[in-house]
């Protein structure tokens, strides 16, 4: 049970890391023509907020990875006594 839980947690961590990839790509506006680019102070603020939130999500995902490693090492699930 512990290795299954650990695998699920690692999958969750990977999903969390990827959560803002698409919005960041959209905000970067790399494929838009110069006259259609998203620009201005609000655009820069939003890009900055997205980058900051991506960092926070990365920290959370790292913590989940550590929990997965502990779960795999102990072999216990949430209902197993330690």
Protein backbone atom coordinates (compact mmCIF):
# COMPACT_ATOMS: atom_id res chain seq x y z
CA UNK A 1 0.00 0.00 0.00
CA UNK A 2 2.84 2.40 0.80
CA UNK A 3 4.43 2.25 -2.65
CA UNK A 4 1.05 2.84 -4.31
CA UNK A 5 0.44 5.86 -2.08
CA UNK A 6 3.94 7.12 -2.84
CA UNK A 7 3.36 6.80 -6.58
CA UNK A 8 0.07 8.69 -6.28
CA UNK A 9 1.77 11.45 -4.31
CA UNK A 10 4.56 11.75 -6.90
CA UNK A 11 1.96 12.01 -9.66
CA UNK A 12 0.18 14.73 -7.69
CA UNK A 13 3.47 16.60 -7.24
CA UNK A 14 4.16 16.42 -10.99
CA UNK A 15 0.65 17.71 -11.75
CA UNK A 16 1.11 20.59 -9.32
CA UNK A 17 4.40 21.57 -10.96
CA UNK A 18 2.69 21.69 -14.37
CA UNK A 19 -0.41 23.53 -13.15
CA UNK A 20 0.65 27.00 -14.31
CA UNK A 21 2.66 26.03 -17.40
CA UNK A 22 -0.13 26.88 -19.84
CA UNK A 23 -1.17 30.18 -18.23
CA UNK A 24 2.48 31.28 -18.14
CA UNK A 25 2.87 30.39 -21.81
CA UNK A 26 -0.26 32.37 -22.65
CA UNK A 27 0.90 35.33 -20.57
CA UNK A 28 4.31 35.24 -22.26
CA UNK A 29 2.47 35.73 -25.55
CA UNK A 30 5.38 34.27 -27.54
CA UNK A 31 3.31 33.36 -30.58
CA UNK A 32 1.53 36.71 -30.95
CA UNK A 33 2.52 39.32 -33.47
CA UNK A 34 4.26 42.41 -32.13
CA UNK A 35 1.18 44.59 -32.44
CA UNK A 36 -0.98 41.95 -30.69
CA UNK A 37 1.28 41.28 -27.71
CA UNK A 38 -0.04 41.56 -24.23
CA UNK A 39 1.81 44.59 -22.84
CA UNK A 40 1.61 47.22 -20.17
CA UNK A 41 1.91 47.43 -16.41
CA UNK A 42 -0.95 45.02 -15.75
CA UNK A 43 0.57 42.41 -18.05
CA UNK A 44 3.92 42.67 -16.26
CA UNK A 45 2.22 42.44 -12.86
CA UNK A 46 0.29 39.33 -13.90
CA UNK A 47 3.41 37.69 -15.32
CA UNK A 48 5.20 38.40 -12.06
CA UNK A 49 2.35 36.97 -10.00
CA UNK A 50 2.27 33.84 -12.14
CA UNK A 51 6.01 33.38 -11.71
CA UNK A 52 5.73 33.81 -7.95
CA UNK A 53 2.88 31.37 -7.69
CA UNK A 54 4.78 28.84 -9.81
CA UNK A 55 7.63 29.02 -7.29
CA UNK A 56 5.20 28.46 -4.41
CA UNK A 57 3.65 25.50 -6.21
CA UNK A 58 7.14 24.09 -6.79
CA UNK A 59 7.87 24.29 -3.06
CA UNK A 60 4.60 22.51 -2.29
CA UNK A 61 5.35 19.85 -4.90
CA UNK A 62 8.80 19.28 -3.36
CA UNK A 63 7.18 18.78 0.04
CA UNK A 64 4.77 16.25 -1.48
CA UNK A 65 7.72 14.44 -3.08
CA UNK A 66 9.38 14.23 0.35
CA UNK A 67 6.17 12.87 1.84
CA UNK A 68 6.06 10.29 -0.96
CA UNK A 69 9.62 9.23 -0.20
CA UNK A 70 8.77 8.88 3.50
CA UNK A 71 5.63 6.91 2.68
CA UNK A 72 7.61 4.54 0.46
CA UNK A 73 10.36 4.13 3.06
CA UNK A 74 7.97 3.36 5.89
CA UNK A 75 5.61 1.26 3.80
CA UNK A 76 2.69 2.59 5.78
CA UNK A 77 -0.46 4.17 4.56
CA UNK A 78 -2.62 6.64 6.41
CA UNK A 79 -4.41 3.87 8.34
CA UNK A 80 -1.37 1.81 9.31
CA UNK A 81 0.14 2.27 12.77
CA UNK A 82 3.75 3.42 12.91
